[in-house]
Amino acid sequence: MCPVLNACTSQSFAARKVLSNQQFHPNPSSATDGFDIWWQKTFAQHMAVVAEMSALVLAHRRNGSAGRTRPEQAH
């Protein structure tokens, strides 16, 4: 706790100024480009996982239903 309110206030403002200056990338254009590249790679990886999962589910359904009935279909 700070004994003097004005001293505490000026210290906290000085700390905020230092932190805010460090948070920004020096070249915003390259930071945006970097983010776009990361997003495209991440999206492509997620789509590849979804496509692979879809193929596995379809193969499992084909193999699982060949010659067998599902419990919900047996009446």
Protein backbone atom coordinates (compact mmCIF):
# COMPACT_ATOMS: atom_id res chain seq x y z
CA MET A 1 0.00 0.00 0.00
CA CYS A 2 1.28 3.42 -0.88
CA PRO A 3 1.32 6.03 1.94
CA VAL A 4 0.67 8.98 -0.39
CA LEU A 5 -2.20 8.79 -2.87
CA ASN A 6 -0.57 11.04 -5.50
CA ALA A 7 2.64 8.99 -5.43
CA CYS A 8 0.66 5.76 -5.93
CA THR A 9 -1.34 7.27 -8.78
CA SER A 10 1.70 8.53 -10.64
CA GLN A 11 3.46 5.17 -10.16
CA SER A 12 0.52 3.25 -11.57
CA PHE A 13 0.26 5.60 -14.59
CA ALA A 14 3.98 5.22 -15.26
CA ALA A 15 3.66 1.42 -15.09
CA ARG A 16 0.67 1.46 -17.47
CA LYS A 17 2.57 3.61 -19.96
CA VAL A 18 5.53 1.22 -19.96
CA LEU A 19 3.26 -1.82 -20.39
CA SER A 20 1.19 -0.27 -23.16
CA ASN A 21 4.30 0.66 -25.14
CA GLN A 22 5.55 -2.94 -24.92
CA GLN A 23 2.24 -4.46 -26.03
CA PHE A 24 2.28 -3.08 -29.55
CA HIS A 25 4.25 -4.60 -32.39
CA PRO A 26 6.73 -2.13 -33.91
CA ASN A 27 5.40 -2.75 -37.42
CA PRO A 28 1.60 -3.27 -37.32
CA SER A 29 1.50 -4.26 -40.98
CA SER A 30 3.84 -7.22 -40.48
CA ALA A 31 1.97 -8.16 -37.29
CA THR A 32 -1.28 -8.27 -39.28
CA ASP A 33 0.38 -10.31 -42.01
CA GLY A 34 1.74 -12.70 -39.41
CA PHE A 35 -1.69 -13.11 -37.86
CA ASP A 36 -3.27 -13.76 -41.27
CA ILE A 37 -0.69 -16.45 -42.04
CA TRP A 38 -1.24 -18.06 -38.64
CA TRP A 39 -5.02 -17.97 -39.09
CA GLN A 40 -4.89 -19.50 -42.56
CA LYS A 41 -2.57 -22.29 -41.39
CA THR A 42 -4.71 -22.99 -38.32
CA PHE A 43 -7.91 -23.00 -40.37
CA ALA A 44 -6.37 -25.35 -42.94
CA GLN A 45 -5.18 -27.72 -40.21
CA HIS A 46 -8.62 -27.76 -38.59
CA MET A 47 -10.31 -28.41 -41.93
CA ALA A 48 -7.90 -31.31 -42.60
CA VAL A 49 -8.77 -32.83 -39.22
CA VAL A 50 -12.50 -32.44 -39.91
CA ALA A 51 -12.15 -34.04 -43.36
CA GLU A 52 -10.17 -36.96 -41.92
CA MET A 53 -12.67 -37.43 -39.11
CA SER A 54 -15.55 -37.37 -41.61
CA ALA A 55 -13.86 -40.05 -43.75
CA LEU A 56 -13.26 -42.21 -40.66
CA VAL A 57 -16.88 -41.88 -39.52
CA LEU A 58 -18.17 -42.80 -42.99
CA ALA A 59 -15.83 -45.82 -43.18
CA HIS A 60 -16.90 -46.91 -39.69
CA ARG A 61 -20.58 -46.64 -40.64
CA ARG A 62 -20.04 -48.66 -43.83
CA ASN A 63 -18.10 -51.39 -42.04
CA GLY A 64 -20.34 -51.42 -39.01
CA SER A 65 -23.59 -51.72 -40.94
CA ALA A 66 -22.46 -54.42 -43.37
CA GLY A 67 -24.30 -57.58 -42.36
CA ARG A 68 -25.43 -56.20 -39.00
CA THR A 69 -28.42 -54.16 -37.97
CA ARG A 70 -28.11 -51.36 -35.53
CA PRO A 71 -29.99 -51.76 -32.24
CA GLU A 72 -32.20 -48.76 -32.99
CA GLN A 73 -33.25 -50.36 -36.32
CA ALA A 74 -34.20 -53.78 -34.92
CA HIS A 75 -37.91 -53.84 -34.20
